[in-house]
């Protein structure tokens, strides 16, 4: 069965503060965002979120923006995406861009993610 999810992609200069990462986790729980993937430990900082409700993703993005990350850029604002099944849920943190890319590929979002990061043109 195909299900509609809403997702967003955020780029920042870096993600290193453990305190801010805890706030990201808390904001996800409070806003019913069922999956968050972040790339932390240095530059660039990358965040991906998905939820069943658009408002959940939008409120999570607002919470992230309120943390005042350097060079905050919501490259893909909350938008609908169709999926055959819900992939892994939860809060996932990776240390390398390559790990982030593998997870995006696994979710069927590889091309979407590469366009958002500027690695691929939007032909």
N, C-alpha and C. Protein backbone atom coordinates (compact mmCIF):
# COMPACT_ATOMS: atom_id res chain seq x y z
N UNK A 1 0.84 -1.18 0.00
CA UNK A 1 0.00 0.00 0.00
C UNK A 1 0.89 1.25 0.00
N UNK A 2 0.59 2.19 -0.87
CA UNK A 2 1.34 3.42 -0.95
C UNK A 2 0.87 4.39 0.12
N UNK A 3 1.82 4.99 0.81
CA UNK A 3 1.50 5.93 1.88
C UNK A 3 2.17 7.26 1.57
N UNK A 4 1.51 8.34 1.94
CA UNK A 4 2.03 9.67 1.72
C UNK A 4 2.74 10.14 2.98
N UNK A 5 3.99 10.57 2.81
CA UNK A 5 4.78 11.13 3.91
C UNK A 5 5.21 12.54 3.53
N UNK A 6 5.54 13.32 4.51
CA UNK A 6 6.10 14.64 4.26
C UNK A 6 7.54 14.62 4.75
N UNK A 7 8.42 15.25 3.98
CA UNK A 7 9.81 15.26 4.38
C UNK A 7 10.44 16.63 4.14
N UNK A 8 11.61 16.83 4.72
CA UNK A 8 12.36 18.08 4.55
C UNK A 8 13.84 17.75 4.67
N UNK A 9 14.66 18.56 4.00
CA UNK A 9 16.11 18.41 4.03
C UNK A 9 16.72 19.75 4.42
N UNK A 10 17.60 19.72 5.40
CA UNK A 10 18.24 20.94 5.91
C UNK A 10 19.75 20.77 5.83
N UNK A 11 20.42 21.84 5.41
CA UNK A 11 21.89 21.90 5.43
C UNK A 11 22.32 23.01 6.38
N UNK A 12 23.38 22.75 7.12
CA UNK A 12 23.97 23.77 7.98
C UNK A 12 25.49 23.70 7.81
N UNK A 13 26.17 24.66 8.40
CA UNK A 13 27.64 24.64 8.33
C UNK A 13 28.19 23.39 9.00
N UNK A 14 27.70 23.12 10.21
CA UNK A 14 28.14 21.94 10.95
C UNK A 14 27.13 21.60 12.05
N UNK A 15 27.24 20.39 12.57
CA UNK A 15 26.44 19.96 13.72
C UNK A 15 27.41 19.28 14.68
N UNK A 16 27.71 19.93 15.78
CA UNK A 16 28.64 19.35 16.75
C UNK A 16 28.12 19.38 18.19
N UNK A 17 27.25 20.31 18.51
CA UNK A 17 26.78 20.48 19.89
C UNK A 17 25.85 19.34 20.31
N UNK A 18 26.25 18.59 21.33
CA UNK A 18 25.42 17.50 21.84
C UNK A 18 24.12 18.05 22.44
N UNK A 19 24.19 19.23 23.03
CA UNK A 19 23.00 19.85 23.61
C UNK A 19 21.96 20.16 22.52
N UNK A 20 22.43 20.68 21.37
CA UNK A 20 21.50 20.96 20.28
C UNK A 20 20.95 19.67 19.68
N UNK A 21 21.77 18.64 19.61
CA UNK A 21 21.29 17.36 19.09
C UNK A 21 20.18 16.80 19.98
N UNK A 22 20.33 16.96 21.29
CA UNK A 22 19.26 16.53 22.22
C UNK A 22 17.98 17.33 21.98
N UNK A 23 18.14 18.61 21.67
CA UNK A 23 16.96 19.44 21.38
C UNK A 23 16.30 19.01 20.07
N UNK A 24 17.10 18.59 19.10
CA UNK A 24 16.55 18.08 17.84
C UNK A 24 15.71 16.82 18.10
N UNK A 25 16.26 15.95 18.93
CA UNK A 25 15.57 14.71 19.29
C UNK A 25 14.25 15.02 20.02
N UNK A 26 14.30 15.95 20.96
CA UNK A 26 13.11 16.33 21.72
C UNK A 26 12.05 16.96 20.81
N UNK A 27 12.48 17.84 19.91
CA UNK A 27 11.55 18.49 18.98
C UNK A 27 10.88 17.45 18.07
N UNK A 28 11.63 16.43 17.66
CA UNK A 28 11.07 15.37 16.83
C UNK A 28 9.97 14.62 17.59
N UNK A 29 10.25 14.29 18.84
CA UNK A 29 9.27 13.57 19.66
C UNK A 29 8.03 14.43 19.91
N UNK A 30 8.23 15.69 20.21
CA UNK A 30 7.11 16.59 20.52
C UNK A 30 6.23 16.86 19.30
N UNK A 31 6.82 16.78 18.10
CA UNK A 31 6.07 17.11 16.89
C UNK A 31 5.67 15.89 16.06
N UNK A 32 5.78 14.71 16.64
CA UNK A 32 5.39 13.46 15.96
C UNK A 32 6.12 13.26 14.63
N UNK A 33 7.39 13.62 14.61
CA UNK A 33 8.23 13.35 13.44
C UNK A 33 8.77 11.94 13.65
N UNK A 34 8.37 11.01 12.80
CA UNK A 34 8.69 9.61 13.09
C UNK A 34 10.09 9.20 12.68
N UNK A 35 10.76 9.99 11.82
CA UNK A 35 12.15 9.65 11.48
C UNK A 35 12.97 10.92 11.28
N UNK A 36 14.14 10.96 11.91
CA UNK A 36 15.11 12.03 11.72
C UNK A 36 16.46 11.37 11.49
N UNK A 37 17.15 11.86 10.46
CA UNK A 37 18.51 11.40 10.17
C UNK A 37 19.38 12.64 10.16
N UNK A 38 20.45 12.62 10.95
CA UNK A 38 21.37 13.76 10.94
C UNK A 38 22.79 13.28 10.70
N UNK A 39 23.55 14.15 10.05
CA UNK A 39 24.98 13.92 9.86
C UNK A 39 25.65 14.93 10.77
N UNK A 40 26.35 14.44 11.79
CA UNK A 40 26.97 15.32 12.77
C UNK A 40 28.47 15.08 12.83
N UNK A 41 29.14 15.90 13.60
CA UNK A 41 30.57 15.72 13.82
C UNK A 41 31.44 16.68 13.05
N UNK A 42 30.86 17.50 12.22
CA UNK A 42 31.66 18.44 11.45
C UNK A 42 30.85 19.01 10.30
N UNK A 43 31.58 19.56 9.33
CA UNK A 43 30.93 20.18 8.18
C UNK A 43 30.83 19.16 7.05
N UNK A 44 29.77 19.18 6.28
CA UNK A 44 28.54 19.94 6.50
C UNK A 44 27.62 19.23 7.48
N UNK A 45 26.74 19.98 8.09
CA UNK A 45 25.68 19.39 8.90
C UNK A 45 24.49 19.15 7.98
N UNK A 46 23.90 17.97 8.06
CA UNK A 46 22.77 17.63 7.20
C UNK A 46 21.69 17.01 8.08
N UNK A 47 20.43 17.40 7.83
CA UNK A 47 19.31 16.84 8.57
C UNK A 47 18.18 16.49 7.62
N UNK A 48 17.59 15.35 7.85
CA UNK A 48 16.44 14.89 7.08
C UNK A 48 15.36 14.49 8.09
N UNK A 49 14.13 14.89 7.80
CA UNK A 49 13.01 14.52 8.68
C UNK A 49 11.83 14.08 7.84
N UNK A 50 11.05 13.14 8.38
CA UNK A 50 9.83 12.74 7.71
C UNK A 50 8.75 12.41 8.74
N UNK A 51 7.52 12.70 8.34
CA UNK A 51 6.36 12.44 9.20
C UNK A 51 5.13 12.27 8.32
N UNK A 52 4.08 11.76 8.91
CA UNK A 52 2.82 11.55 8.19
C UNK A 52 2.11 12.89 7.97
N UNK A 53 2.26 13.82 8.90
CA UNK A 53 1.59 15.12 8.82
C UNK A 53 2.56 16.22 8.40
N UNK A 54 2.15 17.06 7.46
CA UNK A 54 2.98 18.17 7.01
C UNK A 54 3.30 19.13 8.16
N UNK A 55 2.32 19.40 9.01
CA UNK A 55 2.51 20.33 10.13
C UNK A 55 3.61 19.83 11.07
N UNK A 56 3.72 18.52 11.24
CA UNK A 56 4.76 17.95 12.11
C UNK A 56 6.15 18.30 11.60
N UNK A 57 6.35 18.12 10.30
CA UNK A 57 7.66 18.42 9.70
C UNK A 57 7.91 19.92 9.75
N UNK A 58 6.89 20.70 9.41
CA UNK A 58 7.05 22.16 9.40
C UNK A 58 7.44 22.68 10.80
N UNK A 59 6.78 22.18 11.84
CA UNK A 59 7.09 22.63 13.20
C UNK A 59 8.49 22.17 13.62
N UNK A 60 8.90 20.98 13.19
CA UNK A 60 10.25 20.52 13.50
C UNK A 60 11.29 21.41 12.82
N UNK A 61 11.05 21.77 11.56
CA UNK A 61 11.97 22.67 10.84
C UNK A 61 12.06 24.01 11.57
N UNK A 62 10.95 24.53 12.04
CA UNK A 62 10.96 25.78 12.80
C UNK A 62 11.77 25.64 14.08
N UNK A 63 11.66 24.50 14.75
CA UNK A 63 12.44 24.26 15.97
C UNK A 63 13.94 24.22 15.65
N UNK A 64 14.29 23.60 14.54
CA UNK A 64 15.70 23.55 14.12
C UNK A 64 16.20 24.96 13.83
N UNK A 65 15.41 25.72 13.10
CA UNK A 65 15.81 27.09 12.76
C UNK A 65 16.01 27.93 14.02
N UNK A 66 15.20 27.71 15.04
CA UNK A 66 15.31 28.46 16.29
C UNK A 66 16.62 28.17 17.02
N UNK A 67 17.28 27.06 16.69
CA UNK A 67 18.57 26.74 17.32
C UNK A 67 19.71 27.56 16.72
N UNK A 68 19.42 28.31 15.68
CA UNK A 68 20.37 29.25 15.07
C UNK A 68 21.66 28.59 14.59
N UNK A 69 21.51 27.52 13.85
CA UNK A 69 22.67 26.88 13.23
C UNK A 69 23.28 27.82 12.20
N UNK A 70 24.60 27.85 12.15
CA UNK A 70 25.30 28.67 11.18
C UNK A 70 24.98 28.17 9.77
N UNK A 71 24.70 29.10 8.86
CA UNK A 71 24.38 28.80 7.46
C UNK A 71 23.18 27.87 7.32
N UNK A 72 22.18 28.02 8.20
CA UNK A 72 20.96 27.20 8.11
C UNK A 72 20.32 27.41 6.75
N UNK A 73 20.00 26.30 6.11
CA UNK A 73 19.32 26.37 4.82
C UNK A 73 18.40 25.17 4.66
N UNK A 74 17.12 25.44 4.60
CA UNK A 74 16.15 24.37 4.36
C UNK A 74 16.07 24.20 2.85
N UNK A 75 16.86 23.27 2.31
CA UNK A 75 16.98 23.13 0.86
C UNK A 75 15.75 22.51 0.23
N UNK A 76 15.06 21.66 0.96
CA UNK A 76 13.76 21.14 0.52
C UNK A 76 12.80 21.33 1.67
N UNK A 77 11.86 22.25 1.50
CA UNK A 77 10.86 22.53 2.53
C UNK A 77 9.90 21.35 2.63
N UNK A 78 9.15 21.25 3.72
CA UNK A 78 8.23 20.12 3.87
C UNK A 78 7.36 19.93 2.63
N UNK A 79 7.45 18.74 2.07
CA UNK A 79 6.73 18.41 0.83
C UNK A 79 6.32 16.95 0.89
N UNK A 80 5.26 16.60 0.14
CA UNK A 80 4.82 15.21 0.16
C UNK A 80 5.72 14.30 -0.66
N UNK A 81 5.84 13.06 -0.22
CA UNK A 81 6.57 12.02 -0.94
C UNK A 81 5.76 10.74 -0.77
N UNK A 82 5.74 9.93 -1.79
CA UNK A 82 5.01 8.68 -1.72
C UNK A 82 5.98 7.54 -1.43
N UNK A 83 5.55 6.60 -0.60
CA UNK A 83 6.38 5.46 -0.27
C UNK A 83 5.51 4.21 -0.20
N UNK A 84 6.12 3.10 -0.53
CA UNK A 84 5.41 1.82 -0.47
C UNK A 84 5.27 1.34 0.97
N UNK A 85 6.26 1.64 1.79
CA UNK A 85 6.22 1.20 3.18
C UNK A 85 6.99 2.19 4.03
N UNK A 86 6.66 2.24 5.29
CA UNK A 86 7.40 3.09 6.20
C UNK A 86 8.76 2.47 6.45
N UNK A 87 9.80 3.21 6.18
CA UNK A 87 11.15 2.73 6.44
C UNK A 87 11.43 2.87 7.93
N UNK A 88 12.65 2.58 8.30
CA UNK A 88 13.06 2.66 9.71
C UNK A 88 12.63 3.99 10.32
N UNK A 89 12.08 3.91 11.50
CA UNK A 89 11.68 5.11 12.22
C UNK A 89 12.69 5.35 13.35
N UNK A 90 12.64 6.54 13.93
CA UNK A 90 13.50 6.86 15.05
C UNK A 90 14.44 8.00 14.74
N UNK A 91 15.38 8.19 15.61
CA UNK A 91 16.37 9.26 15.49
C UNK A 91 17.70 8.60 15.18
N UNK A 92 18.23 8.88 14.01
CA UNK A 92 19.45 8.22 13.55
C UNK A 92 20.53 9.27 13.33
N UNK A 93 21.70 9.01 13.84
CA UNK A 93 22.82 9.93 13.70
C UNK A 93 23.98 9.21 13.03
N UNK A 94 24.53 9.81 11.97
CA UNK A 94 25.67 9.24 11.28
C UNK A 94 26.82 10.26 11.29
N UNK A 95 28.04 9.76 11.12
CA UNK A 95 29.20 10.63 11.18
C UNK A 95 29.81 10.99 9.85
N UNK A 96 29.34 10.39 8.77
CA UNK A 96 29.94 10.65 7.46
C UNK A 96 28.85 10.95 6.43
N UNK A 97 29.18 11.80 5.48
CA UNK A 97 28.25 12.12 4.39
C UNK A 97 27.93 10.86 3.60
N UNK A 98 28.91 9.98 3.43
CA UNK A 98 28.67 8.73 2.68
C UNK A 98 27.63 7.86 3.37
N UNK A 99 27.63 7.82 4.69
CA UNK A 99 26.62 7.05 5.43
C UNK A 99 25.23 7.67 5.23
N UNK A 100 25.18 9.00 5.26
CA UNK A 100 23.92 9.72 5.04
C UNK A 100 23.40 9.38 3.64
N UNK A 101 24.29 9.41 2.65
CA UNK A 101 23.92 9.12 1.26
C UNK A 101 23.38 7.69 1.13
N UNK A 102 24.01 6.74 1.80
CA UNK A 102 23.54 5.35 1.74
C UNK A 102 22.13 5.22 2.29
N UNK A 103 21.85 5.92 3.39
CA UNK A 103 20.51 5.86 3.97
C UNK A 103 19.48 6.52 3.04
N UNK A 104 19.86 7.60 2.39
CA UNK A 104 18.95 8.24 1.43
C UNK A 104 18.66 7.30 0.26
N UNK A 105 19.68 6.62 -0.22
CA UNK A 105 19.50 5.63 -1.30
C UNK A 105 18.57 4.50 -0.85
N UNK A 106 18.80 4.01 0.35
CA UNK A 106 17.99 2.92 0.90
C UNK A 106 16.52 3.31 0.97
N UNK A 107 16.25 4.57 1.22
CA UNK A 107 14.88 5.08 1.31
C UNK A 107 14.32 5.47 -0.05
N UNK A 108 15.11 5.32 -1.11
CA UNK A 108 14.65 5.68 -2.45
C UNK A 108 14.70 7.17 -2.72
N UNK A 109 15.51 7.89 -1.94
CA UNK A 109 15.58 9.35 -2.04
C UNK A 109 16.96 9.83 -2.51
N UNK A 110 17.74 8.96 -3.12
CA UNK A 110 19.10 9.31 -3.50
C UNK A 110 19.19 10.51 -4.44
N UNK A 111 18.42 10.49 -5.50
CA UNK A 111 18.47 11.59 -6.48
C UNK A 111 17.94 12.89 -5.87
N UNK A 112 16.85 12.77 -5.11
CA UNK A 112 16.28 13.94 -4.43
C UNK A 112 17.31 14.58 -3.51
N UNK A 113 18.02 13.75 -2.73
CA UNK A 113 19.02 14.23 -1.79
C UNK A 113 20.19 14.87 -2.53
N UNK A 114 20.67 14.24 -3.61
CA UNK A 114 21.80 14.79 -4.37
C UNK A 114 21.44 16.15 -4.97
N UNK A 115 20.20 16.33 -5.44
CA UNK A 115 19.78 17.64 -5.95
C UNK A 115 19.79 18.67 -4.83
N UNK A 116 19.28 18.31 -3.66
CA UNK A 116 19.25 19.23 -2.53
C UNK A 116 20.62 19.66 -2.06
N UNK A 117 21.57 18.75 -2.18
CA UNK A 117 22.94 19.06 -1.75
C UNK A 117 23.73 19.78 -2.84
N UNK A 118 23.17 19.86 -4.04
CA UNK A 118 23.86 20.53 -5.14
C UNK A 118 24.83 19.61 -5.88
N UNK A 119 24.74 18.30 -5.65
CA UNK A 119 25.62 17.33 -6.30
C UNK A 119 25.09 16.94 -7.68
N UNK A 120 23.82 17.25 -7.95
CA UNK A 120 23.16 16.84 -9.18
C UNK A 120 22.22 17.95 -9.60
N UNK A 121 22.12 18.20 -10.90
CA UNK A 121 21.22 19.26 -11.37
C UNK A 121 19.79 18.74 -11.44
N UNK A 122 18.85 19.66 -11.45
CA UNK A 122 17.43 19.32 -11.43
C UNK A 122 16.85 19.20 -12.84
N UNK A 123 17.62 18.79 -13.79
CA UNK A 123 17.21 18.65 -15.21
C UNK A 123 15.76 18.74 -15.39
